[in-house]
Protein backbone atom coordinates (compact mmCIF):
# COMPACT_ATOMS: atom_id res chain seq x y z
CA GLY A 1 38.15 127.27 41.65
CA GLY A 2 39.68 130.65 41.08
CA LEU A 3 37.83 134.00 41.88
CA PRO A 4 34.49 134.44 39.86
CA GLU A 5 34.77 138.48 40.59
CA VAL A 6 38.53 139.01 39.42
CA ILE A 7 38.78 136.50 36.56
CA GLU A 8 37.16 136.30 33.65
CA ASN A 9 36.33 132.53 32.57
CA GLY A 10 39.16 131.88 28.83
CA VAL A 11 40.12 135.81 28.65
CA SER A 12 42.18 137.00 31.82
CA GLY A 13 42.29 132.60 33.20
CA PHE A 14 40.44 129.91 33.86
CA LEU A 15 37.97 129.02 36.35
CA CYS A 16 37.20 125.43 37.67
CA PRO A 17 34.46 123.58 39.61
CA VAL A 18 36.56 123.44 43.23
CA GLY A 19 38.38 120.74 44.30
CA ASP A 20 38.31 119.53 40.30
CA ILE A 21 42.02 118.96 40.78
CA LYS A 22 42.25 117.36 37.41
CA ASP A 23 40.83 120.27 35.71
CA MET A 24 42.95 122.67 37.29
CA ALA A 25 45.92 120.63 36.23
CA SER A 26 44.46 120.32 32.51
CA LYS A 27 44.03 124.24 32.26
CA ALA A 28 47.46 124.94 33.80
CA ILE A 29 49.39 122.89 31.62
CA HIS A 30 46.80 124.20 28.73
CA ILE A 31 48.34 127.68 29.75
CA LEU A 32 52.08 126.70 30.14
CA GLU A 33 52.02 125.30 26.64
CA ASP A 34 49.76 128.20 24.88
CA HIS A 35 52.30 130.78 25.12
CA GLU A 36 50.01 133.01 23.18
CA ARG A 37 47.55 132.49 25.25
CA HIS A 38 49.73 132.41 28.62
CA LYS A 39 50.34 136.23 27.14
CA GLY A 40 47.03 137.10 26.44
CA PHE A 41 45.59 136.14 30.28
CA LYS A 42 48.98 138.20 31.61
CA GLU A 43 47.33 141.63 29.90
CA GLN A 44 43.77 141.02 30.64
CA ALA A 45 44.80 139.97 34.09
CA TYR A 46 46.91 143.48 34.10
CA GLU A 47 44.33 145.60 33.10
CA SER A 48 42.10 144.11 35.47
CA SER A 49 44.11 144.36 38.21
CA LYS A 50 44.28 148.69 37.84
CA LYS A 51 40.16 148.02 39.73
CA PHE A 52 41.94 147.20 42.03
CA GLU A 53 44.36 150.22 42.48
CA MET A 54 44.44 151.85 45.68
CA GLU A 55 43.02 154.95 45.00
CA LYS A 56 40.47 153.85 42.90
CA VAL A 57 39.17 151.39 45.95
CA ILE A 58 40.13 154.51 48.24
CA SER A 59 37.70 156.62 45.98
CA ASN A 60 34.55 154.54 45.65
CA TYR A 61 34.69 154.40 49.51
CA GLU A 62 34.72 157.61 50.86
CA SER A 63 31.66 158.10 48.36
CA LEU A 64 30.17 154.73 49.02
CA TYR A 65 30.30 156.04 52.90
CA ARG A 66 28.80 159.80 51.72
CA GLU A 67 26.03 158.38 50.05
CA ALA A 68 25.33 156.20 53.31
CA LYS A 69 26.03 158.97 55.40
CA GLN A 70 23.51 161.31 53.22
CA ASN A 71 20.67 158.48 53.18
CA TYR A 72 20.97 157.14 56.87
CA LEU A 73 21.38 161.77 57.62
CA GLY A 74 18.46 162.23 55.35
C-alpha cells in the first residue's frame, strides 16, 4: 500500500502492492535497519508535507473557486 500522491517510491518512502504483507514487512524492516535511509525518508517526508500546509491548501482552493466562478459566469 501507500499513497503514491504523497510518497515518492524510494525517495520519501516505499510503495508496495496493496495486500502484499510480506513486501510491506520487508520494506519496513529495511527502513528500520538502514538508519541513513530512514533519516533521508524523514527529511523528504517533512519537505513533502509542506505542500499540504493549511495556507497553501486554502490558497489553492480559493484560486480554483475563483477560476470556476469566472468560467461559469463568463
